[in-house]
């Protein structure tokens, strides 16, 4: 997944599924064994290896394969900068700010290549 910018979300999901399958096989586990230990059906494991899995089931399978620690590499914890924390006066941000109409219009024009 080193050159992910040119791949579609679907292609990345399939590649992630293939990596799950390789991790399972490296542990010499069958789909049924993973399913039983995870508490899901074999079909869920099959779908996960095909790139079609819910986030909750993916995490459960990663736990079974003892790979859940790799989630920190996948999506590191996002820290709040000291300046932003000061601006928020210690409150944790809950929402993104709304873009102005001017900004949205400029983006549309840029997307059209004008």
C-alpha atoms as a PDB file:
ATOM      1  CA  UNK A   1       0.000   0.000   0.000  1.00  0.00           C
ATOM      2  CA  UNK A   2       2.889   2.325  -0.537  1.00  0.00           C
ATOM      3  CA  UNK A   3       1.399   4.141  -3.530  1.00  0.00           C
ATOM      4  CA  UNK A   4      -2.154   4.543  -2.304  1.00  0.00           C
ATOM      5  CA  UNK A   5      -2.852   7.900  -3.954  1.00  0.00           C
ATOM      6  CA  UNK A   6      -3.523   6.346  -7.344  1.00  0.00           C
ATOM      7  CA  UNK A   7      -5.691   3.491  -6.046  1.00  0.00           C
ATOM      8  CA  UNK A   8      -9.416   3.533  -5.462  1.00  0.00           C
ATOM      9  CA  UNK A   9     -10.984   2.834  -2.093  1.00  0.00           C
ATOM     10  CA  UNK A  10     -12.220  -0.483  -3.483  1.00  0.00           C
ATOM     11  CA  UNK A  11      -8.724  -1.500  -4.605  1.00  0.00           C
ATOM     12  CA  UNK A  12      -7.283  -0.613  -1.198  1.00  0.00           C
ATOM     13  CA  UNK A  13     -10.021  -2.611   0.540  1.00  0.00           C
ATOM     14  CA  UNK A  14      -9.210  -5.663  -1.584  1.00  0.00           C
ATOM     15  CA  UNK A  15      -5.505  -5.286  -0.806  1.00  0.00           C
ATOM     16  CA  UNK A  16      -6.257  -5.030   2.915  1.00  0.00           C
ATOM     17  CA  UNK A  17      -8.354  -8.194   2.640  1.00  0.00           C
ATOM     18  CA  UNK A  18      -5.482  -9.997   0.952  1.00  0.00           C
ATOM     19  CA  UNK A  19      -3.190  -8.917   3.777  1.00  0.00           C
ATOM     20  CA  UNK A  20      -5.669 -10.292   6.313  1.00  0.00           C
ATOM     21  CA  UNK A  21      -5.703 -13.581   4.459  1.00  0.00           C
ATOM     22  CA  UNK A  22      -1.888 -13.717   4.370  1.00  0.00           C
ATOM     23  CA  UNK A  23      -1.707 -12.994   8.114  1.00  0.00           C
ATOM     24  CA  UNK A  24      -4.218 -15.783   8.800  1.00  0.00           C
ATOM     25  CA  UNK A  25      -2.309 -18.254   6.639  1.00  0.00           C
ATOM     26  CA  UNK A  26       0.998 -17.270   8.261  1.00  0.00           C
ATOM     27  CA  UNK A  27      -0.540 -18.306  11.581  1.00  0.00           C
ATOM     28  CA  UNK A  28      -1.714 -21.556   9.936  1.00  0.00           C
ATOM     29  CA  UNK A  29      -5.351 -20.860  10.816  1.00  0.00           C
ATOM     30  CA  UNK A  30      -8.401 -21.764   8.771  1.00  0.00           C
ATOM     31  CA  UNK A  31     -11.190 -19.291   8.103  1.00  0.00           C
ATOM     32  CA  UNK A  32     -13.414 -21.377  10.351  1.00  0.00           C
ATOM     33  CA  UNK A  33     -10.922 -21.247  13.236  1.00  0.00           C
ATOM     34  CA  UNK A  34     -10.635 -17.474  12.946  1.00  0.00           C
ATOM     35  CA  UNK A  35     -14.413 -17.162  12.764  1.00  0.00           C
ATOM     36  CA  UNK A  36     -14.971 -19.329  15.841  1.00  0.00           C
ATOM     37  CA  UNK A  37     -12.349 -17.510  17.899  1.00  0.00           C
ATOM     38  CA  UNK A  38     -13.622 -14.116  16.748  1.00  0.00           C
ATOM     39  CA  UNK A  39     -17.277 -14.955  17.336  1.00  0.00           C
ATOM     40  CA  UNK A  40     -18.407 -14.326  13.776  1.00  0.00           C
ATOM     41  CA  UNK A  41     -19.452 -16.564  10.930  1.00  0.00           C
ATOM     42  CA  UNK A  42     -17.021 -18.005   8.393  1.00  0.00           C
ATOM     43  CA  UNK A  43     -18.790 -15.872   5.768  1.00  0.00           C
ATOM     44  CA  UNK A  44     -17.733 -12.713   7.659  1.00  0.00           C
ATOM     45  CA  UNK A  45     -14.093 -13.857   7.539  1.00  0.00           C
ATOM     46  CA  UNK A  46     -14.437 -14.686   3.831  1.00  0.00           C
ATOM     47  CA  UNK A  47     -15.930 -11.246   3.156  1.00  0.00           C
ATOM     48  CA  UNK A  48     -13.180  -9.568   5.189  1.00  0.00           C
ATOM     49  CA  UNK A  49     -10.552 -11.299   3.083  1.00  0.00           C
ATOM     50  CA  UNK A  50     -12.403 -10.052  -0.007  1.00  0.00           C
ATOM     51  CA  UNK A  51     -12.244  -6.475   1.305  1.00  0.00           C
ATOM     52  CA  UNK A  52     -15.851  -6.245   2.458  1.00  0.00           C
ATOM     53  CA  UNK A  53     -15.963  -5.957   6.231  1.00  0.00           C
ATOM     54  CA  UNK A  54     -17.400  -3.684   8.890  1.00  0.00           C
ATOM     55  CA  UNK A  55     -14.994  -1.781  11.081  1.00  0.00           C
ATOM     56  CA  UNK A  56     -16.106  -3.699  14.176  1.00  0.00           C
ATOM     57  CA  UNK A  57     -15.571  -7.085  12.512  1.00  0.00           C
ATOM     58  CA  UNK A  58     -12.205  -5.971  11.128  1.00  0.00           C
ATOM     59  CA  UNK A  59     -11.043  -5.033  14.618  1.00  0.00           C
ATOM     60  CA  UNK A  60     -12.319  -8.336  16.028  1.00  0.00           C
ATOM     61  CA  UNK A  61     -10.439 -10.295  13.357  1.00  0.00           C
ATOM     62  CA  UNK A  62      -7.291  -8.250  13.970  1.00  0.00           C
ATOM     63  CA  UNK A  63      -7.577  -9.079  17.669  1.00  0.00           C
ATOM     64  CA  UNK A  64      -7.847 -12.786  16.839  1.00  0.00           C
ATOM     65  CA  UNK A  65      -4.800 -12.568  14.578  1.00  0.00           C
ATOM     66  CA  UNK A  66      -2.955 -10.619  17.309  1.00  0.00           C
ATOM     67  CA  UNK A  67      -2.557  -7.648  14.971  1.00  0.00           C
ATOM     68  CA  UNK A  68      -4.651  -5.053  16.785  1.00  0.00           C
ATOM     69  CA  UNK A  69      -1.498  -3.214  17.875  1.00  0.00           C
ATOM     70  CA  UNK A  70      -0.911  -2.341  14.219  1.00  0.00           C
ATOM     71  CA  UNK A  71      -3.923  -0.027  14.304  1.00  0.00           C
ATOM     72  CA  UNK A  72      -1.678   2.659  15.790  1.00  0.00           C
ATOM     73  CA  UNK A  73       0.428   2.490  12.625  1.00  0.00           C
ATOM     74  CA  UNK A  74      -2.687   2.459  10.470  1.00  0.00           C
ATOM     75  CA  UNK A  75      -4.224   5.545  12.092  1.00  0.00           C
ATOM     76  CA  UNK A  76      -2.081   7.190  14.771  1.00  0.00           C
ATOM     77  CA  UNK A  77      -3.743   9.116  17.562  1.00  0.00           C
ATOM     78  CA  UNK A  78      -4.303  12.690  16.456  1.00  0.00           C
ATOM     79  CA  UNK A  79      -2.899  15.178  18.947  1.00  0.00           C
ATOM     80  CA  UNK A  80      -4.197  18.689  19.470  1.00  0.00           C
ATOM     81  CA  UNK A  81      -1.562  21.355  18.942  1.00  0.00           C
ATOM     82  CA  UNK A  82      -0.802  23.567  21.977  1.00  0.00           C
ATOM     83  CA  UNK A  83      -1.948  26.652  20.057  1.00  0.00           C
ATOM     84  CA  UNK A  84      -5.249  25.066  19.105  1.00  0.00           C
ATOM     85  CA  UNK A  85      -5.727  23.849  22.674  1.00  0.00           C
ATOM     86  CA  UNK A  86      -5.143  27.394  23.937  1.00  0.00           C
ATOM     87  CA  UNK A  87      -7.646  28.787  21.420  1.00  0.00           C
ATOM     88  CA  UNK A  88     -10.227  26.241  22.532  1.00  0.00           C
ATOM     89  CA  UNK A  89      -9.465  27.035  26.188  1.00  0.00           C
ATOM     90  CA  UNK A  90      -9.046  23.383  27.096  1.00  0.00           C
ATOM     91  CA  UNK A  91     -12.209  22.175  25.329  1.00  0.00           C
ATOM     92  CA  UNK A  92     -11.866  19.323  22.853  1.00  0.00           C
ATOM     93  CA  UNK A  93     -13.077  20.191  19.375  1.00  0.00           C
ATOM     94  CA  UNK A  94     -16.291  18.398  18.418  1.00  0.00           C
ATOM     95  CA  UNK A  95     -16.980  19.755  14.928  1.00  0.00           C
ATOM     96  CA  UNK A  96     -15.153  21.113  11.905  1.00  0.00           C
ATOM     97  CA  UNK A  97     -15.770  24.737  11.033  1.00  0.00           C
ATOM     98  CA  UNK A  98     -18.100  25.491   8.163  1.00  0.00           C
ATOM     99  CA  UNK A  99     -16.517  26.633   4.917  1.00  0.00           C
ATOM    100  CA  UNK A 100     -17.632  30.025   3.644  1.00  0.00           C
ATOM    101  CA  UNK A 101     -19.643  30.232   0.425  1.00  0.00           C
ATOM    102  CA  UNK A 102     -16.746  32.102  -1.179  1.00  0.00           C
ATOM    103  CA  UNK A 103     -14.313  29.301  -0.383  1.00  0.00           C
ATOM    104  CA  UNK A 104     -16.696  26.661  -1.722  1.00  0.00           C
ATOM    105  CA  UNK A 105     -17.290  28.674  -4.919  1.00  0.00           C
ATOM    106  CA  UNK A 106     -13.522  29.117  -5.441  1.00  0.00           C
ATOM    107  CA  UNK A 107     -13.003  25.369  -5.000  1.00  0.00           C
ATOM    108  CA  UNK A 108     -15.691  24.590  -7.600  1.00  0.00           C
ATOM    109  CA  UNK A 109     -14.053  26.946 -10.086  1.00  0.00           C
ATOM    110  CA  UNK A 110     -10.639  25.344  -9.422  1.00  0.00           C
ATOM    111  CA  UNK A 111     -12.148  21.890  -9.948  1.00  0.00           C
ATOM    112  CA  UNK A 112     -13.403  23.017 -13.353  1.00  0.00           C
ATOM    113  CA  UNK A 113      -9.905  24.171 -14.264  1.00  0.00           C
ATOM    114  CA  UNK A 114     -10.869  27.843 -14.797  1.00  0.00           C
END
